[in-house]
N, C-alpha and C. Protein backbone atom coordinates (compact mmCIF):
# COMPACT_ATOMS: atom_id res chain seq x y z
N UNK A 1 29.92 11.01 -30.91
CA UNK A 1 30.65 11.49 -29.74
C UNK A 1 29.80 11.26 -28.49
N UNK A 2 30.46 11.36 -27.38
CA UNK A 2 29.80 11.05 -26.12
C UNK A 2 29.89 12.22 -25.15
N UNK A 3 29.33 11.98 -23.96
CA UNK A 3 29.43 12.95 -22.88
C UNK A 3 30.56 12.52 -21.96
N UNK A 4 31.45 13.45 -21.67
CA UNK A 4 32.57 13.18 -20.77
C UNK A 4 32.40 13.93 -19.47
N UNK A 5 33.15 13.53 -18.49
CA UNK A 5 33.08 14.18 -17.18
C UNK A 5 34.48 14.21 -16.57
N UNK A 6 34.83 15.38 -16.05
CA UNK A 6 36.11 15.58 -15.38
C UNK A 6 35.82 16.25 -14.05
N UNK A 7 36.44 15.76 -12.99
CA UNK A 7 36.33 16.40 -11.68
C UNK A 7 37.68 17.03 -11.35
N UNK A 8 37.65 18.29 -11.00
CA UNK A 8 38.88 18.98 -10.60
C UNK A 8 38.84 19.15 -9.09
N UNK A 9 39.87 18.64 -8.44
CA UNK A 9 39.98 18.74 -6.99
C UNK A 9 41.21 19.55 -6.62
N UNK A 10 41.13 20.24 -5.50
CA UNK A 10 42.28 20.99 -5.01
C UNK A 10 42.37 22.36 -5.65
N UNK A 11 43.59 22.79 -5.85
CA UNK A 11 43.84 24.14 -6.34
C UNK A 11 43.73 24.21 -7.86
N UNK A 12 43.07 25.24 -8.32
CA UNK A 12 42.97 25.53 -9.76
C UNK A 12 43.78 26.82 -9.94
N UNK A 13 45.10 26.63 -10.05
CA UNK A 13 45.99 27.78 -10.02
C UNK A 13 47.12 27.64 -11.03
N UNK A 14 48.02 28.60 -10.99
CA UNK A 14 49.12 28.67 -11.96
C UNK A 14 49.99 27.41 -11.94
N UNK A 15 50.09 26.77 -10.79
CA UNK A 15 50.95 25.59 -10.68
C UNK A 15 50.35 24.37 -11.37
N UNK A 16 49.06 24.38 -11.58
CA UNK A 16 48.38 23.24 -12.22
C UNK A 16 47.78 23.61 -13.57
N UNK A 17 47.86 24.87 -13.95
CA UNK A 17 47.16 25.35 -15.14
C UNK A 17 47.54 24.59 -16.41
N UNK A 18 48.82 24.37 -16.65
CA UNK A 18 49.25 23.69 -17.88
C UNK A 18 48.70 22.27 -17.95
N UNK A 19 48.77 21.54 -16.84
CA UNK A 19 48.26 20.17 -16.82
C UNK A 19 46.75 20.14 -17.01
N UNK A 20 46.04 21.06 -16.35
CA UNK A 20 44.58 21.09 -16.48
C UNK A 20 44.15 21.52 -17.87
N UNK A 21 44.90 22.42 -18.48
CA UNK A 21 44.61 22.82 -19.86
C UNK A 21 44.71 21.62 -20.79
N UNK A 22 45.79 20.85 -20.66
CA UNK A 22 45.98 19.66 -21.49
C UNK A 22 44.87 18.65 -21.24
N UNK A 23 44.52 18.43 -19.98
CA UNK A 23 43.45 17.50 -19.63
C UNK A 23 42.12 17.91 -20.26
N UNK A 24 41.73 19.17 -20.08
CA UNK A 24 40.45 19.63 -20.59
C UNK A 24 40.40 19.63 -22.11
N UNK A 25 41.49 20.03 -22.76
CA UNK A 25 41.50 20.00 -24.22
C UNK A 25 41.40 18.58 -24.75
N UNK A 26 42.07 17.65 -24.09
CA UNK A 26 41.99 16.25 -24.50
C UNK A 26 40.58 15.68 -24.34
N UNK A 27 39.97 15.98 -23.21
CA UNK A 27 38.61 15.49 -22.97
C UNK A 27 37.61 16.14 -23.93
N UNK A 28 37.81 17.41 -24.23
CA UNK A 28 36.92 18.09 -25.19
C UNK A 28 37.03 17.47 -26.57
N UNK A 29 38.21 17.05 -26.95
CA UNK A 29 38.39 16.46 -28.28
C UNK A 29 37.70 15.11 -28.41
N UNK A 30 37.43 14.47 -27.28
CA UNK A 30 36.78 13.15 -27.29
C UNK A 30 35.29 13.19 -26.98
N UNK A 31 34.77 14.35 -26.62
CA UNK A 31 33.39 14.44 -26.15
C UNK A 31 32.65 15.58 -26.86
N UNK A 32 31.39 15.33 -27.17
CA UNK A 32 30.58 16.43 -27.71
C UNK A 32 30.09 17.31 -26.57
N UNK A 33 29.95 16.72 -25.39
CA UNK A 33 29.57 17.45 -24.18
C UNK A 33 30.54 17.04 -23.08
N UNK A 34 31.11 18.04 -22.42
CA UNK A 34 32.02 17.78 -21.32
C UNK A 34 31.53 18.50 -20.08
N UNK A 35 31.30 17.75 -19.01
CA UNK A 35 30.96 18.32 -17.71
C UNK A 35 32.21 18.39 -16.86
N UNK A 36 32.46 19.57 -16.31
CA UNK A 36 33.61 19.77 -15.44
C UNK A 36 33.07 20.04 -14.04
N UNK A 37 33.30 19.09 -13.15
CA UNK A 37 32.81 19.18 -11.78
C UNK A 37 33.83 19.97 -10.95
N UNK A 38 33.39 21.09 -10.42
CA UNK A 38 34.26 21.99 -9.67
C UNK A 38 34.01 21.92 -8.16
N UNK A 39 33.28 20.93 -7.70
CA UNK A 39 32.93 20.83 -6.29
C UNK A 39 34.14 20.71 -5.37
N UNK A 40 35.22 20.12 -5.86
CA UNK A 40 36.40 19.90 -5.03
C UNK A 40 37.46 20.98 -5.13
N UNK A 41 37.17 22.05 -5.85
CA UNK A 41 38.15 23.13 -6.03
C UNK A 41 38.23 23.96 -4.76
N UNK A 42 39.45 24.11 -4.24
CA UNK A 42 39.66 24.84 -2.99
C UNK A 42 40.22 26.25 -3.20
N UNK A 43 40.77 26.50 -4.37
CA UNK A 43 41.36 27.82 -4.65
C UNK A 43 41.36 28.04 -6.15
N UNK A 44 41.08 29.27 -6.57
CA UNK A 44 41.13 29.64 -7.99
C UNK A 44 41.91 30.93 -8.12
N UNK A 45 42.90 30.93 -9.01
CA UNK A 45 43.60 32.18 -9.31
C UNK A 45 43.36 32.54 -10.77
N UNK A 46 43.98 33.61 -11.24
CA UNK A 46 43.71 34.07 -12.60
C UNK A 46 44.13 33.06 -13.66
N UNK A 47 45.20 32.32 -13.42
CA UNK A 47 45.63 31.30 -14.38
C UNK A 47 44.60 30.17 -14.46
N UNK A 48 44.07 29.77 -13.32
CA UNK A 48 43.03 28.73 -13.31
C UNK A 48 41.78 29.20 -14.01
N UNK A 49 41.41 30.44 -13.78
CA UNK A 49 40.25 31.01 -14.44
C UNK A 49 40.46 31.06 -15.95
N UNK A 50 41.66 31.41 -16.38
CA UNK A 50 41.97 31.44 -17.80
C UNK A 50 41.83 30.06 -18.44
N UNK A 51 42.20 29.02 -17.72
CA UNK A 51 42.06 27.66 -18.23
C UNK A 51 40.58 27.34 -18.48
N UNK A 52 39.73 27.70 -17.52
CA UNK A 52 38.30 27.46 -17.68
C UNK A 52 37.73 28.27 -18.84
N UNK A 53 38.16 29.51 -18.96
CA UNK A 53 37.67 30.37 -20.05
C UNK A 53 38.14 29.85 -21.41
N UNK A 54 39.38 29.41 -21.49
CA UNK A 54 39.89 28.85 -22.74
C UNK A 54 39.12 27.59 -23.13
N UNK A 55 38.84 26.74 -22.15
CA UNK A 55 38.08 25.52 -22.43
C UNK A 55 36.69 25.86 -22.94
N UNK A 56 36.05 26.85 -22.34
CA UNK A 56 34.71 27.26 -22.78
C UNK A 56 34.76 27.82 -24.20
N UNK A 57 35.75 28.66 -24.49
CA UNK A 57 35.90 29.23 -25.83
C UNK A 57 36.19 28.14 -26.86
N UNK A 58 37.04 27.20 -26.51
CA UNK A 58 37.37 26.10 -27.41
C UNK A 58 36.12 25.29 -27.72
N UNK A 59 35.35 24.98 -26.70
CA UNK A 59 34.11 24.22 -26.90
C UNK A 59 33.18 24.96 -27.85
N UNK A 60 32.99 26.25 -27.62
CA UNK A 60 32.11 27.04 -28.48
C UNK A 60 32.61 27.04 -29.92
N UNK A 61 33.91 27.22 -30.11
CA UNK A 61 34.48 27.29 -31.45
C UNK A 61 34.35 25.96 -32.20
N UNK A 62 34.33 24.86 -31.46
CA UNK A 62 34.25 23.53 -32.07
C UNK A 62 32.83 22.96 -32.00
N UNK A 63 31.85 23.80 -31.71
CA UNK A 63 30.45 23.36 -31.61
C UNK A 63 30.28 22.20 -30.64
N UNK A 64 30.97 22.30 -29.53
CA UNK A 64 30.85 21.34 -28.44
C UNK A 64 30.28 22.09 -27.25
N UNK A 65 29.95 21.34 -26.22
CA UNK A 65 29.40 21.98 -25.03
C UNK A 65 30.26 21.66 -23.83
N UNK A 66 30.62 22.70 -23.09
CA UNK A 66 31.35 22.54 -21.84
C UNK A 66 30.44 23.07 -20.74
N UNK A 67 30.14 22.22 -19.77
CA UNK A 67 29.29 22.59 -18.65
C UNK A 67 30.11 22.57 -17.37
N UNK A 68 30.06 23.66 -16.64
CA UNK A 68 30.68 23.70 -15.32
C UNK A 68 29.59 23.38 -14.31
N UNK A 69 29.86 22.41 -13.46
CA UNK A 69 28.86 21.96 -12.48
C UNK A 69 29.51 21.86 -11.10
N UNK A 70 28.67 21.83 -10.08
CA UNK A 70 29.14 21.62 -8.70
C UNK A 70 30.09 22.69 -8.22
N UNK A 71 29.80 23.93 -8.52
CA UNK A 71 30.68 25.04 -8.17
C UNK A 71 30.97 25.07 -6.66
N UNK A 72 32.24 24.98 -6.30
CA UNK A 72 32.63 25.05 -4.89
C UNK A 72 32.53 26.50 -4.40
N UNK A 73 32.59 26.71 -3.09
CA UNK A 73 32.58 28.08 -2.57
C UNK A 73 33.71 28.94 -3.15
N UNK A 74 34.88 28.37 -3.36
CA UNK A 74 36.01 29.12 -3.94
C UNK A 74 35.70 29.57 -5.36
N UNK A 75 35.08 28.71 -6.14
CA UNK A 75 34.71 29.04 -7.52
C UNK A 75 33.62 30.09 -7.52
N UNK A 76 32.60 29.89 -6.69
CA UNK A 76 31.50 30.86 -6.62
C UNK A 76 32.01 32.25 -6.23
N UNK A 77 32.95 32.30 -5.31
CA UNK A 77 33.49 33.58 -4.86
C UNK A 77 34.13 34.34 -6.03
N UNK A 78 34.94 33.65 -6.82
CA UNK A 78 35.61 34.30 -7.96
C UNK A 78 34.61 34.67 -9.04
N UNK A 79 33.68 33.77 -9.35
CA UNK A 79 32.68 34.05 -10.38
C UNK A 79 31.82 35.25 -9.98
N UNK A 80 31.46 35.32 -8.71
CA UNK A 80 30.64 36.42 -8.23
C UNK A 80 31.44 37.73 -8.23
N UNK A 81 32.67 37.68 -7.77
CA UNK A 81 33.52 38.86 -7.72
C UNK A 81 33.71 39.47 -9.11
N UNK A 82 33.89 38.61 -10.11
CA UNK A 82 34.16 39.07 -11.47
C UNK A 82 32.92 39.04 -12.37
N UNK A 83 31.77 38.69 -11.80
CA UNK A 83 30.50 38.65 -12.53
C UNK A 83 30.61 37.79 -13.79
N UNK A 84 31.07 36.55 -13.62
CA UNK A 84 31.31 35.66 -14.75
C UNK A 84 30.24 34.60 -14.97
N UNK A 85 29.26 34.54 -14.11
CA UNK A 85 28.22 33.52 -14.25
C UNK A 85 27.57 33.54 -15.62
N UNK A 86 27.18 34.70 -16.08
CA UNK A 86 26.52 34.81 -17.39
C UNK A 86 27.48 34.49 -18.52
N UNK A 87 28.75 34.85 -18.39
CA UNK A 87 29.72 34.57 -19.45
C UNK A 87 29.85 33.07 -19.67
N UNK A 88 29.93 32.32 -18.57
CA UNK A 88 30.05 30.88 -18.70
C UNK A 88 28.71 30.25 -19.07
N UNK A 89 27.61 30.88 -18.67
CA UNK A 89 26.29 30.40 -19.06
C UNK A 89 25.83 29.16 -18.32
N UNK A 90 26.44 28.85 -17.20
CA UNK A 90 26.06 27.68 -16.42
C UNK A 90 25.26 28.10 -15.20
N UNK A 91 24.36 27.23 -14.78
CA UNK A 91 23.56 27.54 -13.60
C UNK A 91 24.46 27.53 -12.35
N UNK A 92 24.35 28.58 -11.58
CA UNK A 92 25.10 28.68 -10.33
C UNK A 92 24.10 28.62 -9.19
N UNK A 93 24.42 27.84 -8.21
CA UNK A 93 23.57 27.76 -7.04
C UNK A 93 24.24 28.57 -5.95
N UNK A 94 23.68 29.71 -5.64
CA UNK A 94 24.23 30.58 -4.62
C UNK A 94 23.19 30.73 -3.52
N UNK A 95 23.55 30.30 -2.34
CA UNK A 95 22.64 30.40 -1.22
C UNK A 95 22.53 31.83 -0.74
N UNK A 96 21.59 32.08 0.16
CA UNK A 96 21.43 33.44 0.69
C UNK A 96 22.66 33.87 1.48
N UNK A 97 23.00 35.12 1.38
CA UNK A 97 24.14 35.66 2.13
C UNK A 97 23.76 35.87 3.58
N UNK A 98 24.74 35.73 4.44
CA UNK A 98 24.49 36.00 5.85
C UNK A 98 24.32 37.51 6.03
N UNK A 99 23.42 37.88 6.89
CA UNK A 99 23.15 39.31 7.11
C UNK A 99 24.24 39.96 7.92
C-alpha cells in the first residue's frame, strides 16, 4: 500500500458530507497512510466534523493511518472549541492569541 493525499477546499459541511465521506473512504481503502490537507477549509459544521471522525475511526479499525494536516483557521477554531486535538492525535499549529 502507499501514502495518499487529499486536499479539502471550501466548506466541510452537511451539503458536502456525503461526497467527502465517499472520497475519504475510497482513498483510505487504497492507502496505508492518508494525509488530509485541511488548509483550504473555510467552514466546518457538525456533519463535516463527523466525516473526519468517521474517517479517523475507520483508519484505526483497519490498521491504517489518517493524518490531518494544514489545519485552516476554521478547523482550528472548531477543534479548539470542542477540545478535539488530542482525539485526532495530529499536531496542531496554533499561534499565540491576541491579547
